[in-house]
Protein backbone atom coordinates (compact mmCIF):
# COMPACT_ATOMS: atom_id res chain seq x y z
CA UNK A 1 131.15 108.56 77.11
CA UNK A 2 132.64 105.79 79.29
CA UNK A 3 132.40 102.44 77.45
CA UNK A 4 131.35 100.63 80.62
CA UNK A 5 128.38 102.94 81.07
CA UNK A 6 127.28 102.53 77.47
CA UNK A 7 127.49 98.73 77.74
CA UNK A 8 125.00 98.91 80.61
CA UNK A 9 122.76 101.51 79.05
CA UNK A 10 122.22 99.58 75.83
CA UNK A 11 121.45 96.22 77.43
CA UNK A 12 117.83 95.14 76.89
CA UNK A 13 115.66 95.09 80.00
CA UNK A 14 112.51 93.06 80.48
CA UNK A 15 109.65 93.28 82.97
CA UNK A 16 109.48 90.89 85.87
CA UNK A 17 105.83 90.01 85.95
CA UNK A 18 105.89 87.27 88.55
CA UNK A 19 103.85 87.44 91.68
CA UNK A 20 104.79 86.62 95.24
CA UNK A 21 103.15 83.59 96.76
CA UNK A 22 103.32 81.97 100.15
CA UNK A 23 102.22 78.66 101.57
CA UNK A 24 101.89 77.13 104.98
CA UNK A 25 101.13 73.74 106.50
CA UNK A 26 100.15 74.45 110.11
CA UNK A 27 100.10 71.49 112.49
CA UNK A 28 96.86 71.16 114.43
CA UNK A 29 97.29 71.02 118.21
CA UNK A 30 94.80 69.15 120.41
CA UNK A 31 94.21 68.67 124.14
CA UNK A 32 93.92 65.67 126.46
CA UNK A 33 90.48 64.09 125.82
CA UNK A 34 87.98 64.18 128.68
CA UNK A 35 85.70 61.52 127.28
CA UNK A 36 85.98 58.52 125.02
CA UNK A 37 84.61 60.67 122.22
CA UNK A 38 87.43 62.45 120.43
CA UNK A 39 86.96 66.20 120.27
CA UNK A 40 86.88 67.70 116.82
CA UNK A 41 89.66 70.15 116.05
CA UNK A 42 88.63 73.78 115.85
CA UNK A 43 88.35 74.93 112.26
CA UNK A 44 91.27 77.05 111.04
CA UNK A 45 90.01 80.40 109.73
CA UNK A 46 90.50 80.74 106.02
CA UNK A 47 92.92 83.52 105.00
CA UNK A 48 91.27 86.58 103.48
CA UNK A 49 91.01 86.38 99.71
CA UNK A 50 93.76 88.07 97.74
CA UNK A 51 92.31 91.08 95.91
CA UNK A 52 91.98 90.50 92.20
CA UNK A 53 94.63 92.08 90.01
CA UNK A 54 93.02 94.77 87.86
CA UNK A 55 93.65 95.47 84.21
CA UNK A 56 93.67 99.21 83.71
CA UNK A 57 92.31 100.85 80.59
CA UNK A 58 94.43 103.52 78.90
CA UNK A 59 93.45 106.64 77.01
CA UNK A 60 94.68 110.11 76.03
CA UNK A 61 97.93 108.97 74.39
CA UNK A 62 100.33 111.84 73.82
CA UNK A 63 103.84 112.68 72.74
CA UNK A 64 105.82 115.80 71.99
CA UNK A 65 106.35 116.91 68.41
CA UNK A 66 110.10 116.99 68.89
CA UNK A 67 112.96 117.17 71.35
CA UNK A 68 111.97 118.65 74.72
CA UNK A 69 115.27 119.20 76.53
CA UNK A 70 118.88 118.92 75.41
CA UNK A 71 122.34 120.19 76.15
CA UNK A 72 123.83 123.02 74.13
CA UNK A 73 127.17 123.59 72.49
CA UNK A 74 129.35 120.50 72.63
CA UNK A 75 126.92 118.31 74.64
CA UNK A 76 127.13 114.97 72.76
CA UNK A 77 124.44 113.00 74.64
CA UNK A 78 121.38 113.58 76.83
CA UNK A 79 119.60 110.85 78.78
CA UNK A 80 118.29 109.55 82.16
CA UNK A 81 116.19 112.59 83.12
CA UNK A 82 114.60 113.31 86.50
CA UNK A 83 111.40 115.30 85.99
CA UNK A 84 109.47 117.31 88.59
CA UNK A 85 106.26 119.33 88.56
CA UNK A 86 107.46 122.13 90.83
CA UNK A 87 104.77 124.75 91.30
CA UNK A 88 103.69 125.97 87.89
CA UNK A 89 106.77 124.74 86.04
CA UNK A 90 108.32 121.51 84.78
CA UNK A 91 111.91 121.00 85.88
CA UNK A 92 114.34 118.46 84.43
CA UNK A 93 117.80 117.28 85.44
CA UNK A 94 119.64 114.80 83.21
CA UNK A 95 122.97 113.25 82.28
CA UNK A 96 125.12 114.93 79.64
CA UNK A 97 128.59 116.38 79.14
CA UNK A 98 129.55 119.99 78.45
CA UNK A 99 133.06 121.32 77.91
CA UNK A 100 132.45 124.34 80.12
CA UNK A 101 132.04 122.05 83.13
CA UNK A 102 135.11 120.59 84.81
CA UNK A 103 136.52 118.04 85.22
CA UNK A 104 135.93 116.23 81.93
CA UNK A 105 133.26 113.53 82.34
CA UNK A 106 129.53 113.14 82.78
CA UNK A 107 127.73 116.22 84.09
CA UNK A 108 124.19 116.81 85.32
CA UNK A 109 122.30 119.52 83.43
CA UNK A 110 119.18 121.43 84.41
CA UNK A 111 116.42 123.16 82.46
CA UNK A 112 112.82 124.19 83.14
CA UNK A 113 109.75 125.25 81.21
CA UNK A 114 105.99 125.70 81.28
CA UNK A 115 105.05 122.46 79.54
CA UNK A 116 106.23 118.91 78.97
CA UNK A 117 106.12 119.56 75.24
CA UNK A 118 108.61 122.41 74.95
CA UNK A 119 109.59 125.93 75.83
CA UNK A 120 112.38 124.91 78.21
CA UNK A 121 115.15 127.27 79.25
CA UNK A 122 118.69 126.91 77.90
CA UNK A 123 120.31 123.96 79.62
CA UNK A 124 123.19 124.57 82.00
CA UNK A 125 125.47 122.23 83.97
CA UNK A 126 124.65 122.32 87.68
CA UNK A 127 126.68 119.39 89.03
CA UNK A 128 129.97 117.81 87.90
CA UNK A 129 132.68 115.44 89.09
CA UNK A 130 134.53 116.22 92.30
CA UNK A 131 138.03 115.46 90.96
CA UNK A 132 138.44 113.36 94.11
CA UNK A 133 136.59 110.55 95.89
CA UNK A 134 134.22 108.05 94.32
CA UNK A 135 132.72 110.64 91.90
CA UNK A 136 135.98 112.16 90.72
CA UNK A 137 135.17 112.01 86.99
CA UNK A 138 131.50 111.17 86.38
CA UNK A 139 128.15 112.17 87.91
CA UNK A 140 125.04 110.90 86.16
CA UNK A 141 121.51 109.44 86.46
CA UNK A 142 120.01 112.11 88.77
CA UNK A 143 116.90 111.52 90.88
CA UNK A 144 115.60 114.71 92.51
CA UNK A 145 113.01 115.21 95.24
CA UNK A 146 112.09 118.16 97.47
CA UNK A 147 111.23 117.51 101.12
CA UNK A 148 110.75 120.26 103.72
CA UNK A 149 112.04 122.94 101.37
CA UNK A 150 115.30 121.10 100.63
CA UNK A 151 116.12 119.54 97.25
CA UNK A 152 117.88 116.17 97.41
CA UNK A 153 119.67 114.86 94.33
CA UNK A 154 120.68 111.20 94.35
CA UNK A 155 123.27 110.53 91.65
CA UNK A 156 125.64 107.89 90.33
CA UNK A 157 129.32 108.70 90.74
CA UNK A 158 132.35 107.07 89.14
CA UNK A 159 136.02 107.92 89.48
CA UNK A 160 137.09 106.70 86.05
CA UNK A 161 135.90 105.37 82.70
CA UNK A 162 136.73 101.76 83.57
CA UNK A 163 134.10 101.24 86.26
CA UNK A 164 135.46 97.96 87.66
CA UNK A 165 132.30 97.71 89.79
CA UNK A 166 133.15 101.08 91.28
CA UNK A 167 130.00 103.05 90.46
CA UNK A 168 128.29 104.15 93.68
CA UNK A 169 125.42 106.38 94.81
CA UNK A 170 125.88 109.82 96.34
CA UNK A 171 123.61 112.62 97.57
CA UNK A 172 123.75 116.38 97.11
CA UNK A 173 121.58 119.10 98.71
CA UNK A 174 120.26 122.38 97.31
CA UNK A 175 117.96 125.23 98.37
CA UNK A 176 116.80 125.82 94.78
CA UNK A 177 117.60 122.79 92.64
CA UNK A 178 120.45 124.62 90.89
CA UNK A 179 123.22 125.21 93.44
CA UNK A 180 124.28 121.88 94.92
CA UNK A 181 126.44 120.83 97.87
CA UNK A 182 127.63 117.28 98.38
CA UNK A 183 126.23 115.58 101.48
CA UNK A 184 127.63 112.78 103.63
CA UNK A 185 131.06 114.48 103.50
CA UNK A 186 131.27 113.64 99.81
CA UNK A 187 131.15 109.91 100.45
CA UNK A 188 128.74 107.46 98.77
CA UNK A 189 125.66 106.24 100.64
CA UNK A 190 125.38 103.00 98.61
CA UNK A 191 128.21 100.95 97.12
CA UNK A 192 128.09 97.63 95.22
CA UNK A 193 127.25 94.61 97.36
CA UNK A 194 129.72 92.42 95.45
CA UNK A 195 127.50 89.37 95.96
CA UNK A 196 128.30 88.12 92.43
CA UNK A 197 131.00 89.50 90.13
CA UNK A 198 129.65 89.48 86.57
CA UNK A 199 130.91 90.46 83.14
CA UNK A 200 128.96 93.70 83.43
CA UNK A 201 131.21 95.71 85.78
CA UNK A 202 128.99 98.79 86.21
CA UNK A 203 128.38 98.49 89.97
CA UNK A 204 125.62 100.37 91.86
CA UNK A 205 123.68 103.35 90.54
CA UNK A 206 120.78 104.42 88.27
CA UNK A 207 118.85 105.25 91.42
CA UNK A 208 115.35 106.66 91.92
CA UNK A 209 114.01 108.06 95.21
CA UNK A 210 110.51 108.77 96.56
CA UNK A 211 109.39 110.11 99.95
CA UNK A 212 106.35 108.36 101.44
CA UNK A 213 104.98 108.69 105.00
CA UNK A 214 108.31 109.87 106.38
CA UNK A 215 110.33 107.16 104.59
CA UNK A 216 112.92 107.78 101.87
CA UNK A 217 112.64 104.86 99.42
CA UNK A 218 115.64 104.21 97.16
CA UNK A 219 115.41 101.91 94.12
CA UNK A 220 118.64 101.23 92.23
CA UNK A 221 120.66 98.97 89.96
CA UNK A 222 123.46 96.80 91.33
CA UNK A 223 125.10 94.57 88.74
CA UNK A 224 126.79 92.69 91.60
CA UNK A 225 123.53 91.96 93.44
CA UNK A 226 122.71 88.34 94.16
CA UNK A 227 119.23 88.54 92.60
CA UNK A 228 120.31 90.35 89.41
CA UNK A 229 119.98 88.78 85.97
CA UNK A 230 123.23 87.31 84.57
CA UNK A 231 123.58 90.49 82.50
CA UNK A 232 123.40 92.60 85.68
CA UNK A 233 119.81 93.83 85.35
CA UNK A 234 117.81 94.18 88.55
CA UNK A 235 116.25 96.80 90.80
CA UNK A 236 116.75 96.74 94.57
CA UNK A 237 114.99 98.71 97.30
CA UNK A 238 116.24 100.34 100.50
CA UNK A 239 114.34 102.70 102.77
CA UNK A 240 115.30 104.89 105.71
CA UNK A 241 113.94 107.67 107.87
CA UNK A 242 116.69 110.08 106.83
CA UNK A 243 117.89 111.18 103.37
CA UNK A 244 121.40 109.77 103.92
CA UNK A 245 120.05 106.28 104.64
CA UNK A 246 121.46 105.88 108.13
CA UNK A 247 118.40 105.99 110.43
CA UNK A 248 115.93 103.11 110.58
CA UNK A 249 117.58 101.51 107.55
CA UNK A 250 115.67 98.63 105.94
CA UNK A 251 116.18 96.53 102.82
CA UNK A 252 113.65 94.61 100.73
CA UNK A 253 114.29 90.89 100.92
CA UNK A 254 112.38 87.65 100.59
CA UNK A 255 110.39 88.41 103.77
CA UNK A 256 109.63 92.02 102.91
CA UNK A 257 111.24 95.15 104.36
CA UNK A 258 113.61 94.15 107.15
CA UNK A 259 116.10 96.11 109.29
CA UNK A 260 119.70 95.96 108.09
CA UNK A 261 122.94 97.34 109.49
CA UNK A 262 124.38 98.66 106.21
CA UNK A 263 123.34 99.51 102.65
CA UNK A 264 125.63 96.94 100.99
CA UNK A 265 124.46 93.70 102.59
CA UNK A 266 123.52 90.84 100.20
CA UNK A 267 120.78 91.84 97.80
CA UNK A 268 118.33 88.95 97.71
CA UNK A 269 115.30 90.39 95.93
CA UNK A 270 114.81 92.50 92.83
CA UNK A 271 111.45 94.15 92.07
CA UNK A 272 111.94 94.29 88.31
CA UNK A 273 114.51 92.94 85.88
CA UNK A 274 115.65 96.19 84.32
CA UNK A 275 118.27 98.89 84.04
CA UNK A 276 117.76 102.64 84.36
CA UNK A 277 114.29 102.47 85.92
CA UNK A 278 112.31 105.25 87.61
CA UNK A 279 109.42 105.06 90.04
CA UNK A 280 106.74 107.07 91.82
CA UNK A 281 104.12 106.60 94.53
CA UNK A 282 100.40 106.70 93.66
CA UNK A 283 98.57 108.01 96.74
CA UNK A 284 95.07 106.99 95.62
CA UNK A 285 95.92 103.28 95.55
CA UNK A 286 98.89 103.04 97.95
CA UNK A 287 101.10 101.59 95.23
CA UNK A 288 104.44 102.11 93.54
CA UNK A 289 104.62 102.52 89.76
CA UNK A 290 107.95 101.49 88.21
CA UNK A 291 108.81 102.68 84.68
CA UNK A 292 111.40 100.66 82.78
CA UNK A 293 112.29 100.13 79.14
CA UNK A 294 111.08 97.09 77.22
CA UNK A 295 111.02 96.27 73.51
CA UNK A 296 107.95 98.34 72.60
CA UNK A 297 108.52 101.38 74.81
CA UNK A 298 108.26 102.08 78.55
CA UNK A 299 106.51 99.45 80.64
CA UNK A 300 105.02 100.51 83.97
CA UNK A 301 104.68 97.78 86.59
CA UNK A 302 103.02 98.17 89.97
CA UNK A 303 103.69 96.95 93.52
CA UNK A 304 101.64 97.47 96.65
CA UNK A 305 103.13 99.21 99.68
CA UNK A 306 104.72 96.13 101.27
CA UNK A 307 105.74 94.51 97.95
CA UNK A 308 103.58 91.43 98.51
CA UNK A 309 101.45 91.72 95.38
CA UNK A 310 101.09 93.54 92.10
CA UNK A 311 97.63 95.19 92.13
CA UNK A 312 97.49 96.00 88.40
CA UNK A 313 98.65 94.44 85.19
CA UNK A 314 101.53 96.31 83.54
CA UNK A 315 100.79 99.32 81.33
CA UNK A 316 102.81 100.13 78.21
CA UNK A 317 103.70 103.66 77.06
CA UNK A 318 104.61 102.87 73.45
CA UNK A 319 107.10 104.61 71.21
CA UNK A 320 110.76 104.82 70.36
CA UNK A 321 113.33 104.84 73.16
CA UNK A 322 117.03 104.44 73.66
CA UNK A 323 117.63 105.04 77.37
CA UNK A 324 116.19 105.65 80.81
CA UNK A 325 112.60 106.91 81.21
CA UNK A 326 112.07 109.72 83.71
CA UNK A 327 108.57 109.81 85.21
CA UNK A 328 106.89 113.17 85.68
CA UNK A 329 106.41 113.39 89.46
CA UNK A 330 105.52 115.77 92.28
CA UNK A 331 108.35 117.19 94.42
CA UNK A 332 108.24 114.20 96.79
CA UNK A 333 108.18 111.69 93.93
CA UNK A 334 104.44 111.03 93.89
CA UNK A 335 102.14 110.73 90.90
CA UNK A 336 100.39 114.01 90.02
CA UNK A 337 96.75 113.87 91.13
CA UNK A 338 94.22 113.97 88.30
CA UNK A 339 92.06 117.12 88.62
CA UNK A 340 88.86 115.40 87.45
CA UNK A 341 89.14 111.80 88.64
CA UNK A 342 91.66 111.70 91.51
CA UNK A 343 90.67 108.21 92.66
CA UNK A 344 90.39 106.37 89.35
CA UNK A 345 92.85 107.92 86.89
CA UNK A 346 96.61 108.50 86.90
CA UNK A 347 98.77 110.27 84.34
CA UNK A 348 101.82 108.29 83.25
CA UNK A 349 104.18 110.69 81.50
CA UNK A 350 107.87 110.10 80.81
CA UNK A 351 110.77 111.89 79.19
CA UNK A 352 113.23 109.54 77.51
CA UNK A 353 116.10 109.58 75.03
CA UNK A 354 114.99 108.47 71.57
CA UNK A 355 118.05 108.16 69.28
CA UNK A 356 121.68 107.14 69.38
CA UNK A 357 123.55 110.30 68.45
CA UNK A 358 126.87 111.11 66.86
CA UNK A 359 128.76 110.18 70.03
CA UNK A 360 127.22 106.69 69.84
CA UNK A 361 125.21 107.53 72.97
CA UNK A 362 121.52 108.25 73.69
CA UNK A 363 120.15 111.73 73.08
CA UNK A 364 117.08 113.68 71.87
CA UNK A 365 114.85 113.53 74.96
CA UNK A 366 111.15 113.59 74.06
CA UNK A 367 107.87 113.36 75.97
CA UNK A 368 105.54 110.33 75.81
CA UNK A 369 102.52 109.62 77.95
CA UNK A 370 98.99 108.35 78.50
CA UNK A 371 96.44 107.99 81.28
CA UNK A 372 95.70 104.72 83.10
CA UNK A 373 92.04 104.47 84.11
CA UNK A 374 90.02 102.26 86.47
CA UNK A 375 92.17 102.15 89.61
CA UNK A 376 89.20 102.13 92.02
CA UNK A 377 91.28 104.05 94.52
CA UNK A 378 90.58 106.16 97.63
CA UNK A 379 89.37 103.06 99.44
CA UNK A 380 91.12 103.77 102.76
CA UNK A 381 91.78 106.77 104.98
CA UNK A 382 95.41 106.89 103.93
CA UNK A 383 94.39 106.86 100.27
CA UNK A 384 92.06 109.78 100.92
CA UNK A 385 95.21 111.94 100.76
CA UNK A 386 94.63 111.96 96.99
CA UNK A 387 91.49 114.00 97.71
CA UNK A 388 93.32 116.75 99.58
CA UNK A 389 91.85 120.13 98.60
CA UNK A 390 89.02 118.63 96.55
CA UNK A 391 85.49 119.83 97.26
CA UNK A 392 82.73 117.20 97.33
CA UNK A 393 78.96 117.17 97.96
CA UNK A 394 78.05 117.18 101.65
CA UNK A 395 75.26 115.21 103.36
CA UNK A 396 74.00 118.50 104.79
CA UNK A 397 73.25 120.07 101.41
CA UNK A 398 76.45 122.07 101.62
CA UNK A 399 79.96 121.42 100.29
CA UNK A 400 82.81 119.63 102.07
CA UNK A 401 86.42 120.56 101.37
CA UNK A 402 88.97 117.84 102.16
CA UNK A 403 91.94 119.33 103.98
CA UNK A 404 94.52 116.71 104.90
CA UNK A 405 92.71 114.03 106.90
CA UNK A 406 89.75 116.28 107.84
CA UNK A 407 86.96 118.16 106.09
CA UNK A 408 85.70 121.70 106.32
CA UNK A 409 81.94 122.06 105.75
CA UNK A 410 81.10 125.19 103.75
CA UNK A 411 77.70 126.77 103.56
CA UNK A 412 78.56 128.38 100.23
CA UNK A 413 79.78 126.33 97.28
CA UNK A 414 81.44 129.39 95.72
CA UNK A 415 83.73 129.77 98.71
CA UNK A 416 84.76 126.10 98.75
CA UNK A 417 85.34 126.22 95.00
CA UNK A 418 87.69 129.19 95.41
CA UNK A 419 89.87 127.16 97.77
CA UNK A 420 89.65 123.78 95.99
CA UNK A 421 91.63 122.12 93.23
CA UNK A 422 88.30 121.12 91.76
CA UNK A 423 84.71 120.28 92.76
CA UNK A 424 83.73 116.64 92.27
CA UNK A 425 80.19 115.72 91.27
CA UNK A 426 80.12 112.62 93.49
CA UNK A 427 81.21 112.14 97.09
CA UNK A 428 83.76 109.31 97.52
CA UNK A 429 82.66 107.00 100.33
CA UNK A 430 85.97 107.41 102.18
CA UNK A 431 85.15 111.06 102.92
CA UNK A 432 82.47 109.85 105.37
CA UNK A 433 85.27 108.51 107.58
CA UNK A 434 87.00 111.90 107.85
CA UNK A 435 86.06 114.12 110.80
CA UNK A 436 84.51 117.54 110.26
CA UNK A 437 87.15 119.96 111.57
CA UNK A 438 84.90 123.03 111.38
CA UNK A 439 81.87 124.51 109.68
CA UNK A 440 82.14 127.66 107.57
CA UNK A 441 78.87 129.60 107.73
CA UNK A 442 78.28 132.63 105.56
CA UNK A 443 79.44 135.74 107.37
CA UNK A 444 81.98 133.90 109.55
CA UNK A 445 84.48 136.14 111.32
CA UNK A 446 87.44 137.19 109.15
CA UNK A 447 90.63 138.97 110.22
CA UNK A 448 93.59 140.53 108.43
CA UNK A 449 97.17 140.75 109.73
CA UNK A 450 99.36 143.85 109.33
CA UNK A 451 101.18 142.18 106.43
CA UNK A 452 97.93 141.55 104.53
CA UNK A 453 97.28 137.88 105.29
CA UNK A 454 93.58 137.02 105.67
CA UNK A 455 92.00 134.24 107.70
CA UNK A 456 88.62 132.96 108.80
CA UNK A 457 88.11 132.37 112.51
CA UNK A 458 86.20 129.11 112.96
CA UNK A 459 85.50 127.72 116.42
CA UNK A 460 88.30 129.85 117.79
CA UNK A 461 90.89 128.66 115.26
CA UNK A 462 92.42 130.70 112.47
CA UNK A 463 92.29 129.21 108.97
CA UNK A 464 94.46 131.28 106.63
CA UNK A 465 92.73 131.75 103.26
CA UNK A 466 95.36 133.95 101.65
CA UNK A 467 93.07 136.39 99.87
CA UNK A 468 90.45 138.92 100.89
CA UNK A 469 88.42 137.67 97.91
CA UNK A 470 87.50 134.54 99.89
CA UNK A 471 86.13 136.65 102.74
CA UNK A 472 84.13 138.75 100.28
CA UNK A 473 82.64 135.62 98.68
CA UNK A 474 81.63 134.45 102.15
CA UNK A 475 80.10 137.84 103.08
CA UNK A 476 82.57 138.00 105.97
CA UNK A 477 83.48 141.53 107.12
CA UNK A 478 87.27 141.71 107.53
CA UNK A 479 88.65 143.12 110.79
CA UNK A 480 92.25 144.35 110.97
CA UNK A 481 94.19 142.93 113.93
CA UNK A 482 97.65 143.58 115.30
CA UNK A 483 100.55 141.21 114.73
CA UNK A 484 100.28 140.17 118.38
CA UNK A 485 96.57 139.40 118.06
CA UNK A 486 97.19 137.46 114.85
CA UNK A 487 99.87 135.34 116.48
CA UNK A 488 97.64 134.48 119.46
CA UNK A 489 95.05 132.60 117.39
CA UNK A 490 95.19 128.82 117.53
CA UNK A 491 95.92 127.62 114.00
CA UNK A 492 93.51 125.49 112.07
CA UNK A 493 95.50 125.24 108.84
CA UNK A 494 96.41 126.88 105.55
CA UNK A 495 93.70 127.25 102.91
CA UNK A 496 95.58 129.24 100.31
CA UNK A 497 94.66 128.42 96.72
CA UNK A 498 96.26 125.11 95.61
């Protein structure tokens, strides 16, 4: 294992718990007086109060009985996992080294299983050094998302063991998360800023990416960043409209997200003083959750969407650790939605290395987690996305199913339940602001395509329900139509089982 990488990995990181404040001293402007009596200045409206930071309760602590994922054969270390809930499986990519992969150096391994607590497939190397370019010898610290059917892996590359501030960030693409092709013509998308040259010569890397509202957000370490701790710790943020970080590029600075011309301009603001951090987006509260290692385990800190305030106090996931927590996320890097309390509860689960192994490097990746409770989310229309495919009571004594930013109003609860993630006992107030796209009366027209797809025809639009069972529950006779007839229907949306 490269000594420069180990120096970085074993440095202690601490949470940056400060808040952002602003002040102003506006100068009052008057007008020429029209009488000897001086006119009183118009009162300056008071700024809206800053929402109170909430302290979240925690419950349901959990951890695996043993090691969850690991390399096989001669793999001496295992750490810095990226973890994804991908359909009905858990997928993990992490940093290791296996002799069967060439060239010699850090490799990225992959494994998958049915549960966070075990049963994973035999690990295999899926990405290794290029033998040329910035990632000639080492590829490590994967962060994986899936957007539009394409998997994007952001990784740290290094050409040699002596980093000399040469570590940089690259991107690879895959149709399946296993077979990868380097993007950007094999060149890095982020290199060290070289604002300050410190004793820690790691460079730029340890990245984590999320996709939110069409933006790719990249958080990463840069030991040469201006705002880093003297030991190199710090997490910087870039965002762009494209996965290669060339279109609409912005960087987080003292004034928030601002347009920049390149990814290596001076780094003036760090969101947390840490190494090897991971993050995810919580839809229900429009906030980022950043997981980073502290003395007692993994600390999770929170920032709102524009990084102006921290809406919640930090939450600690206790337990032993030695390197890099990987948050369990959805394909786009979001927090999994709780099936019972989507607006008030979030699961915080991480995989992390727990021991220093025989190679004097972190290994033995285990699962630790808990739930944070009391978020008071789903307060805005954008946050109502957390309610997508939840059924809720309707004001018309029926059941509403949230579908994107609309609702479908079902006459029969059994039909809505068949298409929902879950049925909530109470109706969140935000649902009242969503328009009713269509009503679904019992016996509504149903049609079937030649290939077996089934849909309900509501107000002239076809809503695909995926199964004839839904039509049967709704007492809807199913009429076979030709492929041409099927294609002519205006589309209302997909209602296949979540």
